[in-house]
Amino acid sequence: MMDVSDRDADFSVEAEFRPEHRGNAAAGYWAAFSRKLRYPLGPEHRAIAFLEQVLDPGHAISAVARDGAFLGVAGFKTPDGAFVGGKLKDMAKVYGWLGGVGRGLLIGILERRCEPGTLLMDGIFVRPEARGLGVGSALLDAIERHAAGKGLTHVRLDVIDGNPRARALYQRHGFQDRAHRSIGALEPLFGFRSATTMIKAVG
């Protein structure tokens, strides 16, 4: 456990997420990213069912209130796996084989590769009732410490054009724009026009 109580915060930051928080993590991830995942993973009940079975706690850092309530999570991806993992057989359990193949192809468009020396973030969100408490900042700090502890030199994330609040948070934490890409004609499928890659040196 990585305690942040010295910041007068009423929560702690923990490696992984607790087993009893799996459903909360799945629902929260969908709420945060449903705009771009509504076609690859929707409808909501199926998306949450899929996420609940494939989320990997070993690729996550979570925030938990003193009373044990789940507040948010930051996921990351490595060559060994990702916060949102899963294979075609996992998609087939929820969507059927035909639906799983089609949705898998759509997800592949959004896939990002890990780069040497860089921890790739795989989503971060804070539950609405916990916003404004410093949870997002604490999770980012923990991600940076985790990367440095693994001997990595940078943290990378990607933020879509329709999420200025998140981008502002990343900028305050020292993340800098490195690349900007448009998805062109695929905008109707994913609900955004472009995404910005942001990187921060750590360690």
N, C-alpha and C. Protein backbone atom coordinates (compact mmCIF):
# COMPACT_ATOMS: atom_id res chain seq x y z
N MET A 1 0.84 -1.19 0.00
CA MET A 1 0.00 0.00 0.00
C MET A 1 0.88 1.24 0.00
N MET A 2 0.47 2.27 -0.76
CA MET A 2 1.18 3.53 -0.80
C MET A 2 0.28 4.58 -0.15
N ASP A 3 0.50 4.86 1.13
CA ASP A 3 -0.39 5.74 1.88
C ASP A 3 -0.14 7.19 1.51
N VAL A 4 -1.21 7.96 1.26
CA VAL A 4 -1.07 9.38 0.96
C VAL A 4 -1.72 10.22 2.05
N SER A 5 -1.90 9.66 3.23
CA SER A 5 -2.56 10.38 4.31
C SER A 5 -1.77 11.59 4.77
N ASP A 6 -0.45 11.62 4.45
CA ASP A 6 0.34 12.76 4.86
C ASP A 6 -0.04 14.01 4.08
N ARG A 7 -0.85 13.87 3.05
CA ARG A 7 -1.34 15.02 2.31
C ARG A 7 -2.71 15.45 2.83
N ASP A 8 -3.07 14.97 4.00
CA ASP A 8 -4.39 15.24 4.55
C ASP A 8 -5.49 14.69 3.66
N ALA A 9 -5.17 13.70 2.86
CA ALA A 9 -6.16 13.07 2.01
C ALA A 9 -6.87 11.98 2.79
N ASP A 10 -8.14 11.82 2.53
CA ASP A 10 -8.94 10.83 3.24
C ASP A 10 -9.01 9.53 2.43
N PHE A 11 -7.89 9.17 1.83
CA PHE A 11 -7.84 7.95 1.02
C PHE A 11 -6.39 7.48 0.94
N SER A 12 -6.21 6.26 0.46
CA SER A 12 -4.87 5.72 0.23
C SER A 12 -4.78 5.23 -1.21
N VAL A 13 -3.56 5.13 -1.68
CA VAL A 13 -3.30 4.61 -3.02
C VAL A 13 -2.65 3.24 -2.87
N GLU A 14 -3.18 2.28 -3.57
CA GLU A 14 -2.74 0.89 -3.42
C GLU A 14 -2.27 0.31 -4.74
N ALA A 15 -1.26 -0.55 -4.68
CA ALA A 15 -0.88 -1.34 -5.84
C ALA A 15 -2.04 -2.29 -6.17
N GLU A 16 -2.33 -2.43 -7.44
CA GLU A 16 -3.42 -3.28 -7.95
C GLU A 16 -4.78 -2.70 -7.54
N PHE A 17 -5.84 -3.48 -7.70
CA PHE A 17 -7.15 -3.12 -7.15
C PHE A 17 -7.69 -4.33 -6.40
N ARG A 18 -8.50 -4.09 -5.39
CA ARG A 18 -9.00 -5.16 -4.55
C ARG A 18 -9.99 -6.03 -5.32
N PRO A 19 -10.05 -7.33 -5.01
CA PRO A 19 -10.99 -8.21 -5.70
C PRO A 19 -12.44 -7.73 -5.62
N GLU A 20 -12.82 -7.17 -4.48
CA GLU A 20 -14.20 -6.71 -4.34
C GLU A 20 -14.49 -5.44 -5.13
N HIS A 21 -13.45 -4.83 -5.70
CA HIS A 21 -13.64 -3.61 -6.49
C HIS A 21 -13.65 -3.87 -7.99
N ARG A 22 -13.59 -5.13 -8.39
CA ARG A 22 -13.53 -5.44 -9.83
C ARG A 22 -14.74 -4.87 -10.57
N GLY A 23 -15.93 -5.06 -10.04
CA GLY A 23 -17.13 -4.55 -10.69
C GLY A 23 -17.12 -3.03 -10.77
N ASN A 24 -16.67 -2.36 -9.70
CA ASN A 24 -16.58 -0.90 -9.69
C ASN A 24 -15.58 -0.42 -10.73
N ALA A 25 -14.46 -1.12 -10.84
CA ALA A 25 -13.44 -0.74 -11.82
C ALA A 25 -13.96 -0.88 -13.24
N ALA A 26 -14.68 -1.96 -13.51
CA ALA A 26 -15.22 -2.18 -14.84
C ALA A 26 -16.26 -1.12 -15.20
N ALA A 27 -17.18 -0.85 -14.27
CA ALA A 27 -18.22 0.15 -14.52
C ALA A 27 -17.61 1.55 -14.66
N GLY A 28 -16.62 1.85 -13.84
CA GLY A 28 -15.98 3.16 -13.91
C GLY A 28 -15.21 3.35 -15.19
N TYR A 29 -14.53 2.30 -15.65
CA TYR A 29 -13.79 2.38 -16.90
C TYR A 29 -14.74 2.64 -18.06
N TRP A 30 -15.86 1.93 -18.07
CA TRP A 30 -16.83 2.13 -19.13
C TRP A 30 -17.40 3.55 -19.09
N ALA A 31 -17.73 4.04 -17.93
CA ALA A 31 -18.27 5.39 -17.81
C ALA A 31 -17.27 6.43 -18.32
N ALA A 32 -15.99 6.20 -18.07
CA ALA A 32 -14.97 7.16 -18.46
C ALA A 32 -14.66 7.11 -19.95
N PHE A 33 -14.73 5.92 -20.55
CA PHE A 33 -14.26 5.78 -21.93
C PHE A 33 -15.32 5.28 -22.90
N SER A 34 -16.59 5.31 -22.49
CA SER A 34 -17.65 4.81 -23.37
C SER A 34 -17.79 5.62 -24.65
N ARG A 35 -17.39 6.87 -24.62
CA ARG A 35 -17.51 7.70 -25.82
C ARG A 35 -16.74 7.08 -26.99
N LYS A 36 -15.53 6.62 -26.74
CA LYS A 36 -14.74 6.07 -27.84
C LYS A 36 -14.88 4.55 -27.98
N LEU A 37 -15.50 3.91 -26.97
CA LEU A 37 -15.61 2.45 -27.00
C LEU A 37 -17.04 1.96 -27.23
N ARG A 38 -17.97 2.89 -27.50
CA ARG A 38 -19.38 2.49 -27.58
C ARG A 38 -19.64 1.51 -28.71
N TYR A 39 -18.94 1.66 -29.83
CA TYR A 39 -19.13 0.69 -30.91
C TYR A 39 -18.28 -0.57 -30.73
N PRO A 40 -17.00 -0.44 -30.36
CA PRO A 40 -16.22 -1.66 -30.15
C PRO A 40 -16.72 -2.55 -29.01
N LEU A 41 -17.27 -1.95 -27.93
CA LEU A 41 -17.63 -2.75 -26.76
C LEU A 41 -19.10 -2.68 -26.34
N GLY A 42 -19.83 -1.65 -26.77
CA GLY A 42 -21.21 -1.51 -26.34
C GLY A 42 -22.11 -2.63 -26.85
N PRO A 43 -23.34 -2.73 -26.30
CA PRO A 43 -23.98 -1.83 -25.35
C PRO A 43 -23.40 -1.94 -23.94
N GLU A 44 -23.84 -1.06 -23.07
CA GLU A 44 -23.23 -0.92 -21.76
C GLU A 44 -23.17 -2.22 -20.97
N HIS A 45 -24.26 -2.98 -20.90
CA HIS A 45 -24.25 -4.17 -20.06
C HIS A 45 -23.24 -5.20 -20.55
N ARG A 46 -23.07 -5.30 -21.87
CA ARG A 46 -22.09 -6.23 -22.40
C ARG A 46 -20.67 -5.71 -22.20
N ALA A 47 -20.50 -4.41 -22.39
CA ALA A 47 -19.18 -3.82 -22.20
C ALA A 47 -18.68 -4.04 -20.78
N ILE A 48 -19.54 -3.79 -19.81
CA ILE A 48 -19.13 -3.97 -18.42
C ILE A 48 -18.87 -5.44 -18.11
N ALA A 49 -19.68 -6.33 -18.67
CA ALA A 49 -19.45 -7.76 -18.47
C ALA A 49 -18.10 -8.18 -19.03
N PHE A 50 -17.76 -7.67 -20.21
CA PHE A 50 -16.47 -7.99 -20.82
C PHE A 50 -15.32 -7.43 -19.98
N LEU A 51 -15.42 -6.16 -19.62
CA LEU A 51 -14.36 -5.53 -18.85
C LEU A 51 -14.15 -6.21 -17.51
N GLU A 52 -15.23 -6.60 -16.88
CA GLU A 52 -15.13 -7.21 -15.56
C GLU A 52 -14.33 -8.52 -15.61
N GLN A 53 -14.40 -9.22 -16.74
CA GLN A 53 -13.68 -10.48 -16.81
C GLN A 53 -12.23 -10.33 -17.27
N VAL A 54 -11.88 -9.20 -17.92
CA VAL A 54 -10.52 -9.09 -18.48
C VAL A 54 -9.62 -8.08 -17.76
N LEU A 55 -10.15 -7.26 -16.86
CA LEU A 55 -9.28 -6.30 -16.17
C LEU A 55 -8.21 -7.04 -15.36
N ASP A 56 -6.98 -6.58 -15.47
CA ASP A 56 -5.85 -7.23 -14.80
C ASP A 56 -5.38 -6.35 -13.64
N PRO A 57 -5.62 -6.76 -12.39
CA PRO A 57 -5.20 -5.94 -11.25
C PRO A 57 -3.69 -5.75 -11.18
N GLY A 58 -2.93 -6.65 -11.77
CA GLY A 58 -1.47 -6.54 -11.75
C GLY A 58 -0.94 -5.39 -12.59
N HIS A 59 -1.82 -4.80 -13.40
CA HIS A 59 -1.44 -3.65 -14.22
C HIS A 59 -2.28 -2.44 -13.84
N ALA A 60 -2.44 -2.24 -12.54
CA ALA A 60 -3.27 -1.13 -12.06
C ALA A 60 -2.80 -0.63 -10.71
N ILE A 61 -3.12 0.61 -10.45
CA ILE A 61 -2.94 1.25 -9.14
C ILE A 61 -4.27 1.90 -8.81
N SER A 62 -4.79 1.68 -7.60
CA SER A 62 -6.12 2.17 -7.28
C SER A 62 -6.11 3.10 -6.07
N ALA A 63 -7.18 3.87 -5.95
CA ALA A 63 -7.38 4.75 -4.80
C ALA A 63 -8.58 4.25 -4.01
N VAL A 64 -8.42 4.18 -2.69
CA VAL A 64 -9.44 3.61 -1.83
C VAL A 64 -9.67 4.54 -0.63
N ALA A 65 -10.94 4.82 -0.35
CA ALA A 65 -11.28 5.67 0.79
C ALA A 65 -11.00 4.94 2.09
N ARG A 66 -10.95 5.68 3.17
CA ARG A 66 -10.67 5.07 4.47
C ARG A 66 -11.73 4.04 4.87
N ASP A 67 -12.95 4.22 4.35
CA ASP A 67 -14.00 3.26 4.66
C ASP A 67 -14.01 2.07 3.71
N GLY A 68 -13.01 2.02 2.82
CA GLY A 68 -12.89 0.89 1.89
C GLY A 68 -13.57 1.09 0.56
N ALA A 69 -14.19 2.24 0.32
CA ALA A 69 -14.88 2.49 -0.95
C ALA A 69 -13.87 2.72 -2.07
N PHE A 70 -14.18 2.21 -3.22
CA PHE A 70 -13.34 2.37 -4.42
C PHE A 70 -13.52 3.78 -4.97
N LEU A 71 -12.40 4.49 -5.23
CA LEU A 71 -12.47 5.87 -5.69
C LEU A 71 -11.97 6.07 -7.12
N GLY A 72 -11.09 5.21 -7.59
CA GLY A 72 -10.57 5.39 -8.93
C GLY A 72 -9.40 4.47 -9.19
N VAL A 73 -8.91 4.49 -10.41
CA VAL A 73 -7.82 3.60 -10.79
C VAL A 73 -7.02 4.20 -11.94
N ALA A 74 -5.75 3.86 -11.97
CA ALA A 74 -4.89 4.17 -13.10
C ALA A 74 -4.33 2.85 -13.61
N GLY A 75 -4.56 2.56 -14.88
CA GLY A 75 -4.08 1.32 -15.46
C GLY A 75 -2.87 1.58 -16.34
N PHE A 76 -2.09 0.54 -16.59
CA PHE A 76 -0.93 0.69 -17.46
C PHE A 76 -0.70 -0.59 -18.26
N LYS A 77 0.11 -0.44 -19.28
CA LYS A 77 0.39 -1.53 -20.20
C LYS A 77 1.89 -1.78 -20.25
N THR A 78 2.27 -3.05 -20.29
CA THR A 78 3.67 -3.45 -20.43
C THR A 78 3.75 -4.54 -21.51
N PRO A 79 4.96 -4.93 -21.90
CA PRO A 79 5.06 -6.03 -22.86
C PRO A 79 4.45 -7.33 -22.34
N ASP A 80 4.24 -7.43 -21.01
CA ASP A 80 3.70 -8.65 -20.42
C ASP A 80 2.18 -8.64 -20.28
N GLY A 81 1.54 -7.51 -20.52
CA GLY A 81 0.09 -7.46 -20.37
C GLY A 81 -0.40 -6.03 -20.23
N ALA A 82 -1.70 -5.90 -19.98
CA ALA A 82 -2.32 -4.57 -19.89
C ALA A 82 -3.45 -4.59 -18.88
N PHE A 83 -3.80 -3.40 -18.40
CA PHE A 83 -4.93 -3.27 -17.49
C PHE A 83 -6.19 -3.83 -18.13
N VAL A 84 -6.46 -3.44 -19.37
CA VAL A 84 -7.57 -4.03 -20.12
C VAL A 84 -6.99 -5.08 -21.04
N GLY A 85 -6.98 -6.31 -20.56
CA GLY A 85 -6.40 -7.40 -21.34
C GLY A 85 -7.46 -8.13 -22.13
N GLY A 86 -7.34 -9.42 -22.19
CA GLY A 86 -8.33 -10.23 -22.90
C GLY A 86 -7.90 -10.61 -24.30
N LYS A 87 -8.45 -11.74 -24.75
CA LYS A 87 -8.18 -12.24 -26.09
C LYS A 87 -9.51 -12.48 -26.81
N LEU A 88 -9.42 -12.96 -28.03
CA LEU A 88 -10.62 -13.17 -28.83
C LEU A 88 -11.61 -14.09 -28.12
N LYS A 89 -11.11 -15.12 -27.44
CA LYS A 89 -12.01 -16.05 -26.76
C LYS A 89 -12.79 -15.34 -25.65
N ASP A 90 -12.16 -14.33 -25.03
CA ASP A 90 -12.86 -13.57 -23.99
C ASP A 90 -13.97 -12.72 -24.59
N MET A 91 -13.71 -12.14 -25.76
CA MET A 91 -14.75 -11.36 -26.44
C MET A 91 -15.88 -12.26 -26.90
N ALA A 92 -15.52 -13.46 -27.35
CA ALA A 92 -16.53 -14.39 -27.85
C ALA A 92 -17.50 -14.81 -26.75
N LYS A 93 -17.03 -14.87 -25.50
CA LYS A 93 -17.90 -15.24 -24.39
C LYS A 93 -19.04 -14.25 -24.20
N VAL A 94 -18.76 -13.00 -24.53
CA VAL A 94 -19.74 -11.93 -24.32
C VAL A 94 -20.49 -11.58 -25.59
N TYR A 95 -19.77 -11.55 -26.72
CA TYR A 95 -20.36 -11.06 -27.97
C TYR A 95 -20.59 -12.15 -29.02
N GLY A 96 -20.18 -13.38 -28.75
CA GLY A 96 -20.23 -14.42 -29.77
C GLY A 96 -18.99 -14.33 -30.65
N TRP A 97 -18.70 -15.40 -31.39
CA TRP A 97 -17.47 -15.41 -32.19
C TRP A 97 -17.50 -14.37 -33.30
N LEU A 98 -18.62 -14.26 -34.01
CA LEU A 98 -18.69 -13.29 -35.10
C LEU A 98 -18.58 -11.87 -34.57
N GLY A 99 -19.35 -11.58 -33.53
CA GLY A 99 -19.29 -10.25 -32.93
C GLY A 99 -17.93 -9.97 -32.32
N GLY A 100 -17.32 -10.99 -31.75
CA GLY A 100 -16.02 -10.82 -31.13
C GLY A 100 -14.94 -10.46 -32.13
N VAL A 101 -14.99 -11.11 -33.30
CA VAL A 101 -13.99 -10.82 -34.34
C VAL A 101 -14.13 -9.38 -34.83
N GLY A 102 -15.36 -8.96 -35.13
CA GLY A 102 -15.58 -7.60 -35.61
C GLY A 102 -15.16 -6.55 -34.60
N ARG A 103 -15.51 -6.77 -33.34
CA ARG A 103 -15.17 -5.81 -32.29
C ARG A 103 -13.67 -5.82 -32.02
N GLY A 104 -13.07 -6.99 -32.13
CA GLY A 104 -11.62 -7.07 -31.95
C GLY A 104 -10.87 -6.26 -32.99
N LEU A 105 -11.36 -6.26 -34.22
CA LEU A 105 -10.74 -5.46 -35.28
C LEU A 105 -10.84 -3.97 -34.98
N LEU A 106 -11.99 -3.55 -34.44
CA LEU A 106 -12.16 -2.14 -34.09
C LEU A 106 -11.22 -1.75 -32.95
N ILE A 107 -11.13 -2.60 -31.94
CA ILE A 107 -10.23 -2.33 -30.83
C ILE A 107 -8.79 -2.23 -31.31
N GLY A 108 -8.45 -3.06 -32.30
CA GLY A 108 -7.09 -3.05 -32.84
C GLY A 108 -6.68 -1.70 -33.41
N ILE A 109 -7.65 -0.95 -33.91
CA ILE A 109 -7.35 0.38 -34.46
C ILE A 109 -6.82 1.31 -33.37
N LEU A 110 -7.31 1.13 -32.16
CA LEU A 110 -6.90 1.98 -31.04
C LEU A 110 -5.66 1.47 -30.31
N GLU A 111 -5.16 0.32 -30.71
CA GLU A 111 -4.04 -0.31 -30.01
C GLU A 111 -2.79 0.55 -30.09
N ARG A 112 -2.04 0.62 -28.97
CA ARG A 112 -0.78 1.36 -28.93
C ARG A 112 0.33 0.42 -28.45
N ARG A 113 1.49 0.55 -29.04
CA ARG A 113 2.61 -0.32 -28.70
C ARG A 113 3.43 0.25 -27.55
N CYS A 114 3.95 -0.66 -26.73
CA CYS A 114 4.87 -0.25 -25.68
C CYS A 114 6.22 0.10 -26.32
N GLU A 115 6.86 1.12 -25.77
CA GLU A 115 8.16 1.55 -26.26
C GLU A 115 9.21 1.29 -25.18
N PRO A 116 10.43 0.96 -25.56
CA PRO A 116 11.48 0.69 -24.57
C PRO A 116 11.66 1.86 -23.62
N GLY A 117 11.74 1.55 -22.32
CA GLY A 117 11.99 2.57 -21.32
C GLY A 117 10.79 3.42 -20.95
N THR A 118 9.63 3.09 -21.49
CA THR A 118 8.44 3.92 -21.28
C THR A 118 7.29 3.10 -20.74
N LEU A 119 6.67 3.59 -19.66
CA LEU A 119 5.44 2.99 -19.16
C LEU A 119 4.28 3.62 -19.91
N LEU A 120 3.45 2.79 -20.50
CA LEU A 120 2.30 3.26 -21.28
C LEU A 120 1.05 3.18 -20.43
N MET A 121 0.43 4.31 -20.17
CA MET A 121 -0.80 4.30 -19.38
C MET A 121 -1.95 3.73 -20.18
N ASP A 122 -2.82 2.99 -19.50
CA ASP A 122 -3.92 2.29 -20.14
C ASP A 122 -5.25 2.72 -19.54
N GLY A 123 -5.35 4.04 -19.26
CA GLY A 123 -6.60 4.59 -18.73
C GLY A 123 -6.49 4.99 -17.28
N ILE A 124 -7.07 6.13 -16.95
CA ILE A 124 -7.14 6.60 -15.58
C ILE A 124 -8.49 7.27 -15.39
N PHE A 125 -9.15 7.00 -14.28
CA PHE A 125 -10.43 7.64 -14.00
C PHE A 125 -10.65 7.74 -12.50
N VAL A 126 -11.46 8.71 -12.12
CA VAL A 126 -11.85 8.92 -10.73
C VAL A 126 -13.37 8.94 -10.68
N ARG A 127 -13.96 8.25 -9.73
CA ARG A 127 -15.41 8.24 -9.61
C ARG A 127 -15.93 9.66 -9.36
N PRO A 128 -17.08 10.01 -9.92
CA PRO A 128 -17.59 11.39 -9.82
C PRO A 128 -17.62 11.93 -8.40
N GLU A 129 -18.02 11.11 -7.44
CA GLU A 129 -18.14 11.59 -6.06
C GLU A 129 -16.78 11.86 -5.40
N ALA A 130 -15.69 11.41 -6.04
CA ALA A 130 -14.36 11.60 -5.46
C ALA A 130 -13.56 12.69 -6.17
N ARG A 131 -14.14 13.33 -7.17
CA ARG A 131 -13.41 14.36 -7.91
C ARG A 131 -13.22 15.59 -7.04
N GLY A 132 -12.08 16.23 -7.22
CA GLY A 132 -11.76 17.41 -6.43
C GLY A 132 -11.06 17.11 -5.13
N LEU A 133 -10.79 15.83 -4.86
CA LEU A 133 -10.14 15.43 -3.61
C LEU A 133 -8.64 15.16 -3.79
N GLY A 134 -8.16 15.30 -5.02
CA GLY A 134 -6.76 15.02 -5.28
C GLY A 134 -6.47 13.58 -5.66
N VAL A 135 -7.52 12.82 -5.93
CA VAL A 135 -7.34 11.40 -6.26
C VAL A 135 -6.59 11.24 -7.58
N GLY A 136 -6.98 11.99 -8.61
CA GLY A 136 -6.32 11.88 -9.90
C GLY A 136 -4.84 12.20 -9.81
N SER A 137 -4.51 13.25 -9.09
CA SER A 137 -3.11 13.63 -8.92
C SER A 137 -2.33 12.56 -8.17
N ALA A 138 -2.94 12.00 -7.13
CA ALA A 138 -2.28 10.94 -6.36
C ALA A 138 -2.02 9.71 -7.22
N LEU A 139 -2.97 9.37 -8.08
CA LEU A 139 -2.79 8.21 -8.96
C LEU A 139 -1.67 8.46 -9.97
N LEU A 140 -1.62 9.66 -10.53
CA LEU A 140 -0.54 9.99 -11.46
C LEU A 140 0.82 9.94 -10.77
N ASP A 141 0.89 10.48 -9.56
CA ASP A 141 2.15 10.43 -8.81
C ASP A 141 2.58 8.98 -8.58
N ALA A 142 1.61 8.13 -8.24
CA ALA A 142 1.92 6.72 -7.98
C ALA A 142 2.37 6.01 -9.25
N ILE A 143 1.76 6.34 -10.38
CA ILE A 143 2.18 5.77 -11.66
C ILE A 143 3.63 6.15 -11.96
N GLU A 144 3.96 7.40 -11.72
CA GLU A 144 5.33 7.86 -11.98
C GLU A 144 6.33 7.14 -11.08
N ARG A 145 5.97 6.97 -9.80
CA ARG A 145 6.85 6.25 -8.88
C ARG A 145 7.01 4.79 -9.30
N HIS A 146 5.91 4.20 -9.75
CA HIS A 146 5.97 2.81 -10.20
C HIS A 146 6.91 2.68 -11.39
N ALA A 147 6.80 3.59 -12.36
CA ALA A 147 7.66 3.55 -13.54
C ALA A 147 9.12 3.71 -13.15
N ALA A 148 9.39 4.69 -12.30
CA ALA A 148 10.78 4.91 -11.88
C ALA A 148 11.32 3.70 -11.13
N GLY A 149 10.46 3.08 -10.30
CA GLY A 149 10.89 1.90 -9.56
C GLY A 149 11.21 0.71 -10.44
N LYS A 150 10.64 0.69 -11.63
CA LYS A 150 10.91 -0.37 -12.60
C LYS A 150 12.09 -0.03 -13.51
N GLY A 151 12.73 1.11 -13.23
CA GLY A 151 13.88 1.50 -14.04
C GLY A 151 13.50 2.14 -15.37
N LEU A 152 12.25 2.54 -15.51
CA LEU A 152 11.81 3.20 -16.74
C LEU A 152 12.09 4.69 -16.66
N THR A 153 12.17 5.34 -17.79
CA THR A 153 12.57 6.74 -17.83
C THR A 153 11.44 7.68 -18.21
N HIS A 154 10.35 7.16 -18.74
CA HIS A 154 9.26 8.02 -19.19
C HIS A 154 7.90 7.35 -18.93
N VAL A 155 6.88 8.18 -18.80
CA VAL A 155 5.48 7.73 -18.77
C VAL A 155 4.79 8.38 -19.96
N ARG A 156 4.02 7.57 -20.69
CA ARG A 156 3.28 8.07 -21.85
C ARG A 156 1.79 7.85 -21.65
N LEU A 157 1.01 8.81 -22.11
CA LEU A 157 -0.44 8.65 -22.15
C LEU A 157 -0.96 9.32 -23.42
N ASP A 158 -2.20 9.01 -23.77
CA ASP A 158 -2.85 9.62 -24.93
C ASP A 158 -4.20 10.16 -24.49
N VAL A 159 -4.50 11.39 -24.88
CA VAL A 159 -5.74 12.03 -24.48
C VAL A 159 -6.47 12.53 -25.72
N ILE A 160 -7.79 12.28 -25.78
CA ILE A 160 -8.56 12.67 -26.96
C ILE A 160 -8.90 14.15 -26.91
N ASP A 161 -9.24 14.71 -28.06
CA ASP A 161 -9.49 16.14 -28.17
C ASP A 161 -10.70 16.60 -27.36
N GLY A 162 -11.61 15.69 -27.06
CA GLY A 162 -12.82 16.08 -26.33
C GLY A 162 -12.69 15.99 -24.82
N ASN A 163 -11.47 15.89 -24.30
CA ASN A 163 -11.28 15.75 -22.86
C ASN A 163 -10.28 16.80 -22.34
N PRO A 164 -10.63 18.08 -22.44
CA PRO A 164 -9.69 19.14 -22.02
C PRO A 164 -9.39 19.12 -20.53
N ARG A 165 -10.33 18.66 -19.71
CA ARG A 165 -10.10 18.62 -18.27
C ARG A 165 -8.95 17.66 -17.94
N ALA A 166 -8.96 16.49 -18.58
CA ALA A 166 -7.89 15.53 -18.34
C ALA A 166 -6.56 16.07 -18.86
N ARG A 167 -6.59 16.68 -20.02
CA ARG A 167 -5.35 17.22 -20.59
C ARG A 167 -4.75 18.28 -19.69
N ALA A 168 -5.60 19.13 -19.11
CA ALA A 168 -5.12 20.16 -18.20
C ALA A 168 -4.45 19.54 -16.97
N LEU A 169 -5.04 18.45 -16.45
CA LEU A 169 -4.45 17.75 -15.31
C LEU A 169 -3.06 17.22 -15.68
N TYR A 170 -2.95 16.61 -16.84
CA TYR A 170 -1.66 16.05 -17.26
C TYR A 170 -0.62 17.15 -17.43
N GLN A 171 -1.03 18.26 -17.99
CA GLN A 171 -0.10 19.37 -18.18
C GLN A 171 0.39 19.90 -16.84
N ARG A 172 -0.50 19.99 -15.85
CA ARG A 172 -0.09 20.45 -14.53
C ARG A 172 0.93 19.51 -13.89
N HIS A 173 0.86 18.25 -14.29
CA HIS A 173 1.79 17.26 -13.75
C HIS A 173 3.07 17.14 -14.58
N GLY A 174 3.25 18.01 -15.55
CA GLY A 174 4.50 18.03 -16.30
C GLY A 174 4.52 17.20 -17.56
N PHE A 175 3.38 16.64 -17.97
CA PHE A 175 3.33 15.92 -19.24
C PHE A 175 3.36 16.92 -20.39
N GLN A 176 4.11 16.60 -21.42
CA GLN A 176 4.27 17.49 -22.56
C GLN A 176 3.79 16.82 -23.84
N ASP A 177 3.20 17.62 -24.72
CA ASP A 177 2.73 17.11 -26.01
C ASP A 177 3.92 16.62 -26.84
N ARG A 178 3.76 15.44 -27.42
CA ARG A 178 4.81 14.90 -28.28
C ARG A 178 4.31 14.60 -29.69
N ALA A 179 3.05 14.25 -29.83
CA ALA A 179 2.52 13.92 -31.16
C ALA A 179 1.02 14.14 -31.16
N HIS A 180 0.50 14.38 -32.33
CA HIS A 180 -0.93 14.64 -32.50
C HIS A 180 -1.38 13.90 -33.75
N ARG A 181 -2.40 13.06 -33.58
CA ARG A 181 -2.85 12.30 -34.75
C ARG A 181 -4.36 12.37 -34.89
N SER A 182 -4.80 12.43 -36.13
CA SER A 182 -6.22 12.47 -36.45
C SER A 182 -6.68 11.09 -36.91
N ILE A 183 -7.92 10.74 -36.60
CA ILE A 183 -8.44 9.45 -37.05
C ILE A 183 -9.31 9.60 -38.29
N GLY A 184 -9.44 10.84 -38.77
CA GLY A 184 -10.11 11.09 -40.03
C GLY A 184 -11.53 10.57 -40.11
N ALA A 185 -11.78 9.74 -41.12
CA ALA A 185 -13.13 9.25 -41.40
C ALA A 185 -13.65 8.30 -40.32
N LEU A 186 -12.81 7.89 -39.39
CA LEU A 186 -13.24 6.98 -38.33
C LEU A 186 -13.87 7.72 -37.15
N GLU A 187 -13.95 9.04 -37.22
CA GLU A 187 -14.51 9.82 -36.11
C GLU A 187 -15.90 9.34 -35.69
N PRO A 188 -16.83 9.05 -36.63
CA PRO A 188 -18.16 8.60 -36.20
C PRO A 188 -18.13 7.30 -35.38
N LEU A 189 -17.11 6.47 -35.61
CA LEU A 189 -17.02 5.20 -34.88
C LEU A 189 -16.54 5.38 -33.45
N PHE A 190 -15.62 6.33 -33.25
CA PHE A 190 -14.97 6.45 -31.96
C PHE A 190 -15.31 7.73 -31.21
N GLY A 191 -16.02 8.64 -31.84
CA GLY A 191 -16.50 9.82 -31.12
C GLY A 191 -15.47 10.89 -30.84
N PHE A 192 -14.31 10.83 -31.49
CA PHE A 192 -13.33 11.90 -31.35
C PHE A 192 -12.59 12.08 -32.67
N ARG A 193 -12.07 13.29 -32.88
CA ARG A 193 -11.39 13.60 -34.13
C ARG A 193 -9.90 13.31 -34.08
N SER A 194 -9.30 13.54 -32.91
CA SER A 194 -7.86 13.41 -32.82
C SER A 194 -7.45 13.09 -31.38
N ALA A 195 -6.21 12.67 -31.24
CA ALA A 195 -5.65 12.36 -29.92
C ALA A 195 -4.24 12.90 -29.84
N THR A 196 -3.86 13.32 -28.64
CA THR A 196 -2.52 13.86 -28.41
C THR A 196 -1.73 12.92 -27.51
N THR A 197 -0.55 12.58 -27.93
CA THR A 197 0.38 11.79 -27.10
C THR A 197 1.15 12.74 -26.20
N MET A 198 1.13 12.44 -24.90
CA MET A 198 1.83 13.27 -23.92
C MET A 198 2.82 12.38 -23.15
N ILE A 199 4.00 12.92 -22.90
CA ILE A 199 5.07 12.15 -22.27
C ILE A 199 5.71 12.96 -21.14
N LYS A 200 6.10 12.27 -20.07
CA LYS A 200 6.81 12.90 -18.97
C LYS A 200 8.02 12.05 -18.60
N ALA A 201 9.15 12.71 -18.40
CA ALA A 201 10.35 12.02 -17.92
C ALA A 201 10.21 11.78 -16.42
N VAL A 202 10.62 10.60 -15.97
CA VAL A 202 10.55 10.25 -14.55
C VAL A 202 11.88 9.64 -14.11
N GLY A 203 12.02 9.47 -12.81
CA GLY A 203 13.22 8.82 -12.29
C GLY A 203 14.30 9.85 -11.98
